[in-house]
Amino acid sequence: MTERAILKVSPQGQVTLRRDVLAALRNPRMLEAWVEKGTLMLRPALSGSLAEAEAIFAKQGITRDVLVEALRIVQRRDKRTAKT
């Protein structure tokens, strides 16, 4: 998707994404959202909770401790990136 669109925000704060936007994001079930310099940023989230991530990655032998440490590393990196 390369064109921009105006999206309506409901009184409850809900936004409906267009089908082409969802398709461009590969139809995620969950999105991670944050505001960066006044801009709403969205990206697909792998899972909604640590328990959900554990269930997904346990099949590959990845433990809860490894997931928690990986999250800490990503959060530190994101904080450094936000400062620049």
C-alpha atoms as a PDB file:
ATOM      1  CA  MET A   1       0.000   0.000   0.000  1.00  0.00           C
ATOM      2  CA  THR A   2       1.516   3.307  -1.037  1.00  0.00           C
ATOM      3  CA  GLU A   3      -1.375   5.747  -0.856  1.00  0.00           C
ATOM      4  CA  ARG A   4      -2.522   7.519   2.277  1.00  0.00           C
ATOM      5  CA  ALA A   5      -6.020   7.436   3.709  1.00  0.00           C
ATOM      6  CA  ILE A   6      -8.022   9.283   6.324  1.00  0.00           C
ATOM      7  CA  LEU A   7      -9.375   6.905   8.965  1.00  0.00           C
ATOM      8  CA  LYS A   8     -12.248   7.671  11.297  1.00  0.00           C
ATOM      9  CA  VAL A   9     -11.721   7.367  15.051  1.00  0.00           C
ATOM     10  CA  SER A  10     -14.856   6.224  16.886  1.00  0.00           C
ATOM     11  CA  PRO A  11     -15.987   7.883  20.146  1.00  0.00           C
ATOM     12  CA  GLN A  12     -14.487   4.822  21.917  1.00  0.00           C
ATOM     13  CA  GLY A  13     -11.097   5.508  20.284  1.00  0.00           C
ATOM     14  CA  GLN A  14     -11.320   2.628  17.806  1.00  0.00           C
ATOM     15  CA  VAL A  15      -9.898   2.794  14.285  1.00  0.00           C
ATOM     16  CA  THR A  16     -10.810   0.393  11.505  1.00  0.00           C
ATOM     17  CA  LEU A  17      -7.940  -0.396   9.159  1.00  0.00           C
ATOM     18  CA  ARG A  18      -8.646  -0.802   5.465  1.00  0.00           C
ATOM     19  CA  ARG A  19      -8.280  -4.252   3.935  1.00  0.00           C
ATOM     20  CA  ASP A  20      -5.327  -3.202   1.791  1.00  0.00           C
ATOM     21  CA  VAL A  21      -3.506  -1.918   4.892  1.00  0.00           C
ATOM     22  CA  LEU A  22      -4.080  -5.190   6.723  1.00  0.00           C
ATOM     23  CA  ALA A  23      -2.985  -7.152   3.657  1.00  0.00           C
ATOM     24  CA  ALA A  24       0.218  -5.096   3.422  1.00  0.00           C
ATOM     25  CA  LEU A  25       0.914  -6.044   7.054  1.00  0.00           C
ATOM     26  CA  ARG A  26       0.185  -9.710   6.234  1.00  0.00           C
ATOM     27  CA  ASN A  27      -3.133  -9.711   8.163  1.00  0.00           C
ATOM     28  CA  PRO A  28      -1.832  -9.665  11.743  1.00  0.00           C
ATOM     29  CA  ARG A  29      -4.060 -10.679  14.636  1.00  0.00           C
ATOM     30  CA  MET A  30      -2.412  -8.130  16.920  1.00  0.00           C
ATOM     31  CA  LEU A  31      -0.582  -4.865  16.370  1.00  0.00           C
ATOM     32  CA  GLU A  32       1.972  -3.098  18.541  1.00  0.00           C
ATOM     33  CA  ALA A  33       1.293   0.655  18.710  1.00  0.00           C
ATOM     34  CA  TRP A  34       3.291   3.643  19.937  1.00  0.00           C
ATOM     35  CA  VAL A  35       3.592   7.357  19.263  1.00  0.00           C
ATOM     36  CA  GLU A  36       6.861   8.673  17.877  1.00  0.00           C
ATOM     37  CA  LYS A  37       7.298  12.429  17.446  1.00  0.00           C
ATOM     38  CA  GLY A  38       3.545  12.913  17.171  1.00  0.00           C
ATOM     39  CA  THR A  39       3.036  10.069  14.681  1.00  0.00           C
ATOM     40  CA  LEU A  40       1.089   6.917  15.452  1.00  0.00           C
ATOM     41  CA  MET A  41       3.236   3.902  14.573  1.00  0.00           C
ATOM     42  CA  LEU A  42       1.833   0.394  14.114  1.00  0.00           C
ATOM     43  CA  ARG A  43       3.551  -2.882  13.403  1.00  0.00           C
ATOM     44  CA  PRO A  44       2.505  -6.525  13.616  1.00  0.00           C
ATOM     45  CA  ALA A  45       3.012  -8.019  17.066  1.00  0.00           C
ATOM     46  CA  LEU A  46       4.167 -11.604  17.370  1.00  0.00           C
ATOM     47  CA  SER A  47       1.943 -12.251  20.352  1.00  0.00           C
ATOM     48  CA  GLY A  48      -0.179 -10.426  22.851  1.00  0.00           C
ATOM     49  CA  SER A  49       1.387 -11.801  26.004  1.00  0.00           C
ATOM     50  CA  LEU A  50       4.428 -13.578  27.321  1.00  0.00           C
ATOM     51  CA  ALA A  51       2.338 -16.714  27.890  1.00  0.00           C
ATOM     52  CA  GLU A  52       1.223 -16.656  24.261  1.00  0.00           C
ATOM     53  CA  ALA A  53       4.814 -16.173  23.085  1.00  0.00           C
ATOM     54  CA  GLU A  54       5.923 -19.058  25.310  1.00  0.00           C
ATOM     55  CA  ALA A  55       3.370 -21.354  23.700  1.00  0.00           C
ATOM     56  CA  ILE A  56       4.498 -20.354  20.212  1.00  0.00           C
ATOM     57  CA  PHE A  57       8.262 -20.604  20.803  1.00  0.00           C
ATOM     58  CA  ALA A  58       8.300 -23.602  23.176  1.00  0.00           C
ATOM     59  CA  LYS A  59       7.977 -25.861  20.121  1.00  0.00           C
ATOM     60  CA  GLN A  60      11.404 -24.564  19.045  1.00  0.00           C
ATOM     61  CA  GLY A  61      12.963 -25.082  22.479  1.00  0.00           C
ATOM     62  CA  ILE A  62      13.001 -21.377  23.357  1.00  0.00           C
ATOM     63  CA  THR A  63      12.401 -20.879  27.080  1.00  0.00           C
ATOM     64  CA  ARG A  64      10.603 -18.110  28.967  1.00  0.00           C
ATOM     65  CA  ASP A  65      13.954 -16.809  30.271  1.00  0.00           C
ATOM     66  CA  VAL A  66      15.286 -16.454  26.723  1.00  0.00           C
ATOM     67  CA  LEU A  67      12.119 -14.615  25.621  1.00  0.00           C
ATOM     68  CA  VAL A  68      12.312 -12.219  28.571  1.00  0.00           C
ATOM     69  CA  GLU A  69      15.974 -11.447  27.876  1.00  0.00           C
ATOM     70  CA  ALA A  70      15.277 -10.956  24.158  1.00  0.00           C
ATOM     71  CA  LEU A  71      12.501  -8.512  25.047  1.00  0.00           C
ATOM     72  CA  ARG A  72      14.860  -6.562  27.320  1.00  0.00           C
ATOM     73  CA  ILE A  73      17.422  -6.307  24.505  1.00  0.00           C
ATOM     74  CA  VAL A  74      14.810  -5.073  22.027  1.00  0.00           C
ATOM     75  CA  GLN A  75      13.450  -2.518  24.509  1.00  0.00           C
ATOM     76  CA  ARG A  76      16.967  -1.162  25.170  1.00  0.00           C
ATOM     77  CA  ARG A  77      17.600  -0.924  21.426  1.00  0.00           C
ATOM     78  CA  ASP A  78      14.269   0.842  20.864  1.00  0.00           C
ATOM     79  CA  LYS A  79      15.077   3.376  23.600  1.00  0.00           C
ATOM     80  CA  ARG A  80      18.466   4.135  22.024  1.00  0.00           C
ATOM     81  CA  THR A  81      16.891   4.473  18.576  1.00  0.00           C
ATOM     82  CA  ALA A  82      14.207   6.843  19.911  1.00  0.00           C
ATOM     83  CA  LYS A  83      16.869   9.178  21.314  1.00  0.00           C
ATOM     84  CA  THR A  84      18.463   9.744  17.905  1.00  0.00           C
END
